């Protein structure tokens, strides 16, 4: 079973947490320690940019995302991430508990970095080796 609490001062954040910061950074920051470093996987950036592109306020939403990039660390996707992705996806399929592909990439990034994932999505509990902090 996956852990649900962490004493980390760095978290990988899921898209729902990134959206909370984009919508009200002060309120979102109040939910975590001030010294916490947020790391954003490339898959989350893709989801955020897609959301901005399909919105009715494309320009302002893209600008908010660009400003947010300056305050967090971006986690690249590399061969190590791809290996974790393959392992996770196979395990989820074997268990009969699939989750969206982008979420597998996000989980792979967190596991690769050995960091807890901050998310509101409960399906991450099916990913072996992933430490989750509930948002």
N, C-alpha and C. Protein backbone atom coordinates (compact mmCIF):
# COMPACT_ATOMS: atom_id res chain seq x y z
N UNK A 1 0.85 -1.19 0.00
CA UNK A 1 0.00 0.00 0.00
C UNK A 1 0.89 1.24 0.00
N UNK A 2 0.39 2.30 -0.53
CA UNK A 2 1.12 3.55 -0.68
C UNK A 2 0.98 4.41 0.57
N UNK A 3 2.08 5.04 0.95
CA UNK A 3 2.04 5.95 2.09
C UNK A 3 1.22 7.18 1.75
N UNK A 4 0.61 7.78 2.75
CA UNK A 4 -0.22 8.95 2.50
C UNK A 4 0.24 10.19 3.24
N UNK A 5 1.35 10.09 3.96
CA UNK A 5 1.87 11.28 4.62
C UNK A 5 3.37 11.36 4.40
N UNK A 6 3.90 12.54 4.53
CA UNK A 6 5.32 12.76 4.27
C UNK A 6 5.82 13.90 5.14
N UNK A 7 7.12 13.87 5.43
CA UNK A 7 7.73 14.98 6.15
C UNK A 7 8.61 15.80 5.20
N UNK A 8 8.47 15.55 3.92
CA UNK A 8 9.28 16.22 2.90
C UNK A 8 9.05 17.73 2.88
N UNK A 9 10.08 18.46 2.45
CA UNK A 9 9.93 19.89 2.21
C UNK A 9 9.92 20.16 0.71
N UNK A 10 9.90 19.10 -0.08
CA UNK A 10 9.77 19.22 -1.53
C UNK A 10 8.73 18.23 -2.00
N UNK A 11 7.87 18.68 -2.88
CA UNK A 11 6.83 17.84 -3.44
C UNK A 11 6.78 17.97 -4.95
N UNK A 12 6.42 16.87 -5.59
CA UNK A 12 6.02 16.91 -6.99
C UNK A 12 4.54 17.22 -6.94
N UNK A 13 4.10 18.16 -7.77
CA UNK A 13 2.68 18.51 -7.73
C UNK A 13 1.95 18.01 -8.97
N UNK A 14 0.73 17.59 -8.74
CA UNK A 14 -0.17 17.14 -9.79
C UNK A 14 -0.85 18.37 -10.38
N UNK A 15 -1.52 18.18 -11.48
CA UNK A 15 -2.19 19.28 -12.18
C UNK A 15 -3.21 19.99 -11.30
N UNK A 16 -3.96 19.22 -10.50
CA UNK A 16 -4.99 19.87 -9.66
C UNK A 16 -4.37 20.81 -8.63
N UNK A 17 -3.19 20.50 -8.15
CA UNK A 17 -2.51 21.38 -7.20
C UNK A 17 -1.95 22.60 -7.94
N UNK A 18 -1.39 22.37 -9.12
CA UNK A 18 -0.88 23.50 -9.91
C UNK A 18 -2.01 24.48 -10.23
N UNK A 19 -3.18 23.97 -10.56
CA UNK A 19 -4.33 24.83 -10.85
C UNK A 19 -4.72 25.63 -9.61
N UNK A 20 -4.66 25.00 -8.44
CA UNK A 20 -4.97 25.72 -7.20
C UNK A 20 -4.01 26.89 -7.01
N UNK A 21 -2.72 26.68 -7.30
CA UNK A 21 -1.74 27.76 -7.19
C UNK A 21 -1.99 28.84 -8.24
N UNK A 22 -2.35 28.43 -9.44
CA UNK A 22 -2.63 29.42 -10.49
C UNK A 22 -3.86 30.26 -10.16
N UNK A 23 -4.85 29.65 -9.53
CA UNK A 23 -6.09 30.36 -9.22
C UNK A 23 -5.98 31.24 -7.99
N UNK A 24 -5.21 30.81 -7.00
CA UNK A 24 -5.06 31.60 -5.78
C UNK A 24 -3.81 31.12 -5.04
N UNK A 25 -2.68 31.64 -5.45
CA UNK A 25 -1.40 31.19 -4.91
C UNK A 25 -1.32 31.35 -3.40
N UNK A 26 -1.87 32.44 -2.87
CA UNK A 26 -1.80 32.70 -1.44
C UNK A 26 -2.56 31.63 -0.65
N UNK A 27 -3.77 31.32 -1.09
CA UNK A 27 -4.57 30.30 -0.40
C UNK A 27 -3.95 28.92 -0.54
N UNK A 28 -3.44 28.61 -1.73
CA UNK A 28 -2.81 27.30 -1.94
C UNK A 28 -1.55 27.17 -1.10
N UNK A 29 -0.74 28.21 -1.06
CA UNK A 29 0.50 28.18 -0.29
C UNK A 29 0.22 28.03 1.20
N UNK A 30 -0.90 28.54 1.66
CA UNK A 30 -1.26 28.43 3.07
C UNK A 30 -1.49 26.98 3.49
N UNK A 31 -1.74 26.11 2.51
CA UNK A 31 -2.00 24.70 2.81
C UNK A 31 -0.72 23.89 3.00
N UNK A 32 0.44 24.44 2.65
CA UNK A 32 1.71 23.72 2.80
C UNK A 32 2.71 24.60 3.53
N UNK A 33 3.82 24.00 3.96
CA UNK A 33 4.87 24.75 4.65
C UNK A 33 5.46 25.82 3.76
N UNK A 34 5.82 26.93 4.35
CA UNK A 34 6.40 28.04 3.59
C UNK A 34 7.69 27.63 2.89
N UNK A 35 8.47 26.77 3.51
CA UNK A 35 9.76 26.37 2.95
C UNK A 35 9.66 25.26 1.91
N UNK A 36 8.47 24.89 1.53
CA UNK A 36 8.28 23.80 0.60
C UNK A 36 8.66 24.20 -0.83
N UNK A 37 9.43 23.34 -1.48
CA UNK A 37 9.79 23.52 -2.88
C UNK A 37 8.84 22.69 -3.71
N UNK A 38 8.25 23.30 -4.72
CA UNK A 38 7.33 22.59 -5.60
C UNK A 38 8.04 22.23 -6.90
N UNK A 39 7.88 20.98 -7.31
CA UNK A 39 8.46 20.50 -8.56
C UNK A 39 7.33 20.07 -9.47
N UNK A 40 7.41 20.50 -10.72
CA UNK A 40 6.33 20.26 -11.68
C UNK A 40 6.84 19.39 -12.83
N UNK A 41 6.26 18.20 -13.01
CA UNK A 41 6.64 17.36 -14.13
C UNK A 41 6.20 17.98 -15.47
N UNK A 42 6.93 17.66 -16.51
CA UNK A 42 6.61 18.15 -17.85
C UNK A 42 5.17 17.80 -18.23
N UNK A 43 4.68 16.63 -17.82
CA UNK A 43 3.31 16.24 -18.15
C UNK A 43 2.29 17.21 -17.55
N UNK A 44 2.57 17.73 -16.37
CA UNK A 44 1.66 18.72 -15.76
C UNK A 44 1.69 20.00 -16.57
N UNK A 45 2.88 20.45 -16.98
CA UNK A 45 2.95 21.65 -17.82
C UNK A 45 2.12 21.45 -19.08
N UNK A 46 2.21 20.27 -19.69
CA UNK A 46 1.42 20.00 -20.89
C UNK A 46 -0.07 20.12 -20.63
N UNK A 47 -0.54 19.58 -19.51
CA UNK A 47 -1.96 19.68 -19.18
C UNK A 47 -2.37 21.12 -18.93
N UNK A 48 -1.51 21.88 -18.26
CA UNK A 48 -1.83 23.29 -17.99
C UNK A 48 -1.89 24.10 -19.28
N UNK A 49 -0.91 23.91 -20.16
CA UNK A 49 -0.91 24.65 -21.42
C UNK A 49 -2.10 24.26 -22.30
N UNK A 50 -2.45 22.99 -22.28
CA UNK A 50 -3.64 22.55 -23.03
C UNK A 50 -4.90 23.24 -22.47
N UNK A 51 -5.03 23.26 -21.16
CA UNK A 51 -6.18 23.91 -20.55
C UNK A 51 -6.25 25.38 -20.92
N UNK A 52 -5.10 26.05 -20.94
CA UNK A 52 -5.07 27.47 -21.31
C UNK A 52 -5.46 27.65 -22.77
N UNK A 53 -4.94 26.81 -23.64
CA UNK A 53 -5.22 26.91 -25.07
C UNK A 53 -6.70 26.71 -25.40
N UNK A 54 -7.38 25.87 -24.64
CA UNK A 54 -8.79 25.62 -24.94
C UNK A 54 -9.73 26.55 -24.17
N UNK A 55 -9.17 27.44 -23.36
CA UNK A 55 -9.99 28.34 -22.55
C UNK A 55 -10.48 29.53 -23.37
N UNK A 56 -11.36 30.29 -22.78
CA UNK A 56 -11.86 31.51 -23.44
C UNK A 56 -10.93 32.70 -23.20
N UNK A 57 -9.94 32.53 -22.30
CA UNK A 57 -8.98 33.60 -21.99
C UNK A 57 -7.55 33.08 -22.21
N UNK A 58 -7.28 32.68 -23.43
CA UNK A 58 -6.01 32.04 -23.76
C UNK A 58 -4.81 32.88 -23.34
N UNK A 59 -4.76 34.12 -23.76
CA UNK A 59 -3.60 34.97 -23.51
C UNK A 59 -3.33 35.16 -22.02
N UNK A 60 -4.36 35.48 -21.25
CA UNK A 60 -4.14 35.71 -19.82
C UNK A 60 -3.80 34.41 -19.10
N UNK A 61 -4.40 33.31 -19.49
CA UNK A 61 -4.08 32.02 -18.84
C UNK A 61 -2.66 31.57 -19.17
N UNK A 62 -2.23 31.77 -20.41
CA UNK A 62 -0.85 31.43 -20.76
C UNK A 62 0.13 32.29 -19.97
N UNK A 63 -0.20 33.56 -19.79
CA UNK A 63 0.67 34.46 -19.02
C UNK A 63 0.77 34.01 -17.56
N UNK A 64 -0.34 33.59 -16.98
CA UNK A 64 -0.32 33.11 -15.58
C UNK A 64 0.56 31.89 -15.45
N UNK A 65 0.47 30.98 -16.41
CA UNK A 65 1.30 29.76 -16.38
C UNK A 65 2.77 30.15 -16.50
N UNK A 66 3.08 31.04 -17.42
CA UNK A 66 4.47 31.47 -17.60
C UNK A 66 5.03 32.09 -16.32
N UNK A 67 4.23 32.90 -15.62
CA UNK A 67 4.68 33.47 -14.34
C UNK A 67 4.92 32.38 -13.31
N UNK A 68 4.04 31.38 -13.28
CA UNK A 68 4.16 30.28 -12.32
C UNK A 68 5.45 29.48 -12.55
N UNK A 69 5.88 29.35 -13.80
CA UNK A 69 7.08 28.57 -14.09
C UNK A 69 8.31 29.12 -13.36
N UNK A 70 8.30 30.41 -13.09
CA UNK A 70 9.45 31.04 -12.43
C UNK A 70 9.54 30.69 -10.95
N UNK A 71 8.46 30.22 -10.36
CA UNK A 71 8.46 29.98 -8.92
C UNK A 71 8.58 28.50 -8.53
N UNK A 72 8.73 27.63 -9.52
CA UNK A 72 8.80 26.19 -9.25
C UNK A 72 9.93 25.56 -10.06
N UNK A 73 10.25 24.33 -9.71
CA UNK A 73 11.27 23.58 -10.45
C UNK A 73 10.56 22.68 -11.46
N UNK A 74 11.05 22.64 -12.69
CA UNK A 74 10.48 21.75 -13.69
C UNK A 74 11.24 20.43 -13.69
N UNK A 75 10.49 19.32 -13.66
CA UNK A 75 11.11 18.00 -13.73
C UNK A 75 11.08 17.53 -15.18
N UNK A 76 12.25 17.31 -15.75
CA UNK A 76 12.29 16.86 -17.14
C UNK A 76 11.84 15.40 -17.27
N UNK A 77 11.52 15.04 -18.46
CA UNK A 77 11.16 13.66 -18.76
C UNK A 77 12.34 13.07 -19.53
N UNK A 78 12.94 12.02 -18.98
CA UNK A 78 14.10 11.41 -19.63
C UNK A 78 13.95 9.89 -19.65
N UNK A 79 15.02 9.22 -19.96
CA UNK A 79 14.98 7.77 -20.05
C UNK A 79 14.60 7.10 -18.74
N UNK A 80 15.09 7.65 -17.63
CA UNK A 80 14.73 7.12 -16.32
C UNK A 80 13.24 7.24 -16.05
N UNK A 81 12.67 8.37 -16.46
CA UNK A 81 11.23 8.57 -16.31
C UNK A 81 10.48 7.55 -17.16
N UNK A 82 10.96 7.32 -18.37
CA UNK A 82 10.31 6.37 -19.27
C UNK A 82 10.36 4.95 -18.71
N UNK A 83 11.47 4.58 -18.09
CA UNK A 83 11.57 3.25 -17.47
C UNK A 83 10.53 3.10 -16.35
N UNK A 84 10.44 4.14 -15.51
CA UNK A 84 9.43 4.11 -14.42
C UNK A 84 8.03 4.03 -15.01
N UNK A 85 7.77 4.81 -16.05
CA UNK A 85 6.46 4.79 -16.72
C UNK A 85 6.11 3.36 -17.16
N UNK A 86 7.03 2.71 -17.83
CA UNK A 86 6.79 1.35 -18.31
C UNK A 86 6.50 0.38 -17.18
N UNK A 87 7.28 0.48 -16.11
CA UNK A 87 7.09 -0.40 -14.95
C UNK A 87 5.72 -0.16 -14.31
N UNK A 88 5.38 1.12 -14.12
CA UNK A 88 4.11 1.46 -13.48
C UNK A 88 2.93 1.03 -14.34
N UNK A 89 2.99 1.34 -15.64
CA UNK A 89 1.86 1.02 -16.52
C UNK A 89 1.62 -0.49 -16.56
N UNK A 90 2.69 -1.26 -16.62
CA UNK A 90 2.56 -2.72 -16.65
C UNK A 90 1.95 -3.22 -15.35
N UNK A 91 2.41 -2.70 -14.23
CA UNK A 91 1.89 -3.12 -12.92
C UNK A 91 0.41 -2.77 -12.78
N UNK A 92 0.03 -1.57 -13.21
CA UNK A 92 -1.37 -1.16 -13.12
C UNK A 92 -2.26 -2.04 -14.00
N UNK A 93 -1.75 -2.37 -15.17
CA UNK A 93 -2.52 -3.24 -16.08
C UNK A 93 -2.69 -4.63 -15.46
N UNK A 94 -1.61 -5.16 -14.88
CA UNK A 94 -1.67 -6.47 -14.24
C UNK A 94 -2.66 -6.47 -13.08
N UNK A 95 -2.69 -5.38 -12.32
CA UNK A 95 -3.61 -5.24 -11.18
C UNK A 95 -5.05 -4.99 -11.61
N UNK A 96 -5.23 -4.57 -12.86
CA UNK A 96 -6.56 -4.20 -13.32
C UNK A 96 -7.00 -2.85 -12.79
N UNK A 97 -6.02 -1.95 -12.52
CA UNK A 97 -6.33 -0.62 -11.98
C UNK A 97 -5.67 0.46 -12.83
N UNK A 98 -6.08 0.58 -14.09
CA UNK A 98 -5.45 1.59 -14.94
C UNK A 98 -5.78 3.01 -14.47
N UNK A 99 -4.85 3.91 -14.76
CA UNK A 99 -5.08 5.34 -14.51
C UNK A 99 -4.69 6.07 -15.79
N UNK A 100 -5.08 7.34 -15.94
CA UNK A 100 -4.73 8.07 -17.16
C UNK A 100 -3.22 8.10 -17.42
N UNK A 101 -2.85 8.02 -18.70
CA UNK A 101 -1.44 7.99 -19.07
C UNK A 101 -0.65 9.17 -18.52
N UNK A 102 -1.20 10.38 -18.61
CA UNK A 102 -0.47 11.53 -18.07
C UNK A 102 -0.19 11.37 -16.59
N UNK A 103 -1.11 10.76 -15.86
CA UNK A 103 -0.90 10.55 -14.43
C UNK A 103 0.18 9.50 -14.17
N UNK A 104 0.33 8.57 -15.09
CA UNK A 104 1.44 7.60 -14.97
C UNK A 104 2.77 8.34 -15.14
N UNK A 105 2.84 9.25 -16.11
CA UNK A 105 4.06 10.04 -16.29
C UNK A 105 4.36 10.88 -15.05
N UNK A 106 3.32 11.45 -14.45
CA UNK A 106 3.49 12.27 -13.24
C UNK A 106 4.01 11.40 -12.09
N UNK A 107 3.41 10.23 -11.91
CA UNK A 107 3.85 9.30 -10.87
C UNK A 107 5.29 8.85 -11.13
N UNK A 108 5.61 8.58 -12.39
CA UNK A 108 6.97 8.16 -12.74
C UNK A 108 7.99 9.24 -12.39
N UNK A 109 7.64 10.49 -12.62
CA UNK A 109 8.53 11.61 -12.27
C UNK A 109 8.76 11.66 -10.76
N UNK A 110 7.69 11.50 -9.99
CA UNK A 110 7.82 11.55 -8.53
C UNK A 110 8.67 10.39 -8.01
N UNK A 111 8.42 9.20 -8.52
CA UNK A 111 9.19 8.04 -8.08
C UNK A 111 10.66 8.18 -8.47
N UNK A 112 10.90 8.62 -9.70
CA UNK A 112 12.27 8.80 -10.17
C UNK A 112 13.03 9.79 -9.29
N UNK A 113 12.37 10.86 -8.87
CA UNK A 113 13.01 11.88 -8.04
C UNK A 113 13.01 11.52 -6.55
N UNK A 114 12.33 10.42 -6.22
CA UNK A 114 12.20 9.99 -4.82
C UNK A 114 11.55 11.08 -3.96
N UNK A 115 10.48 11.67 -4.53
CA UNK A 115 9.75 12.73 -3.85
C UNK A 115 8.28 12.35 -3.74
N UNK A 116 7.61 12.83 -2.70
CA UNK A 116 6.17 12.58 -2.57
C UNK A 116 5.39 13.41 -3.59
N UNK A 117 4.25 12.87 -3.97
CA UNK A 117 3.35 13.55 -4.90
C UNK A 117 2.22 14.20 -4.13
N UNK A 118 2.00 15.47 -4.38
CA UNK A 118 0.90 16.22 -3.77
C UNK A 118 -0.23 16.25 -4.79
N UNK A 119 -1.37 15.60 -4.45
CA UNK A 119 -2.47 15.46 -5.40
C UNK A 119 -3.80 15.25 -4.69
N UNK A 120 -4.87 15.62 -5.38
CA UNK A 120 -6.22 15.35 -4.90
C UNK A 120 -6.79 14.08 -5.52
N UNK A 121 -6.06 13.49 -6.47
CA UNK A 121 -6.56 12.30 -7.17
C UNK A 121 -6.28 11.02 -6.39
N UNK A 122 -7.33 10.31 -6.04
CA UNK A 122 -7.16 9.10 -5.23
C UNK A 122 -6.63 7.91 -6.03
N UNK A 123 -6.73 7.95 -7.35
CA UNK A 123 -6.26 6.78 -8.12
C UNK A 123 -4.75 6.58 -8.05
N UNK A 124 -4.01 7.58 -7.61
CA UNK A 124 -2.57 7.40 -7.46
C UNK A 124 -2.23 6.35 -6.40
N UNK A 125 -3.18 6.03 -5.52
CA UNK A 125 -2.92 5.04 -4.47
C UNK A 125 -2.62 3.66 -5.06
N UNK A 126 -2.97 3.45 -6.32
CA UNK A 126 -2.71 2.16 -6.97
C UNK A 126 -1.26 2.02 -7.46
N UNK A 127 -0.49 3.09 -7.40
CA UNK A 127 0.88 3.07 -7.92
C UNK A 127 1.85 2.65 -6.80
N UNK A 128 2.40 1.46 -6.95
CA UNK A 128 3.35 0.94 -5.96
C UNK A 128 4.60 1.80 -5.94
N UNK A 129 5.09 2.09 -4.73
CA UNK A 129 6.31 2.85 -4.57
C UNK A 129 6.13 4.35 -4.59
N UNK A 130 4.91 4.81 -4.78
CA UNK A 130 4.65 6.25 -4.82
C UNK A 130 4.17 6.73 -3.45
N UNK A 131 4.84 7.73 -2.92
CA UNK A 131 4.40 8.35 -1.68
C UNK A 131 3.48 9.50 -2.04
N UNK A 132 2.32 9.53 -1.42
CA UNK A 132 1.31 10.53 -1.75
C UNK A 132 0.99 11.39 -0.54
N UNK A 133 0.90 12.67 -0.78
CA UNK A 133 0.40 13.61 0.22
C UNK A 133 -0.92 14.10 -0.33
N UNK A 134 -2.00 13.87 0.40
CA UNK A 134 -3.33 14.25 -0.04
C UNK A 134 -3.49 15.76 -0.03
N UNK A 135 -4.00 16.31 -1.12
CA UNK A 135 -4.23 17.75 -1.22
C UNK A 135 -5.60 18.09 -0.74
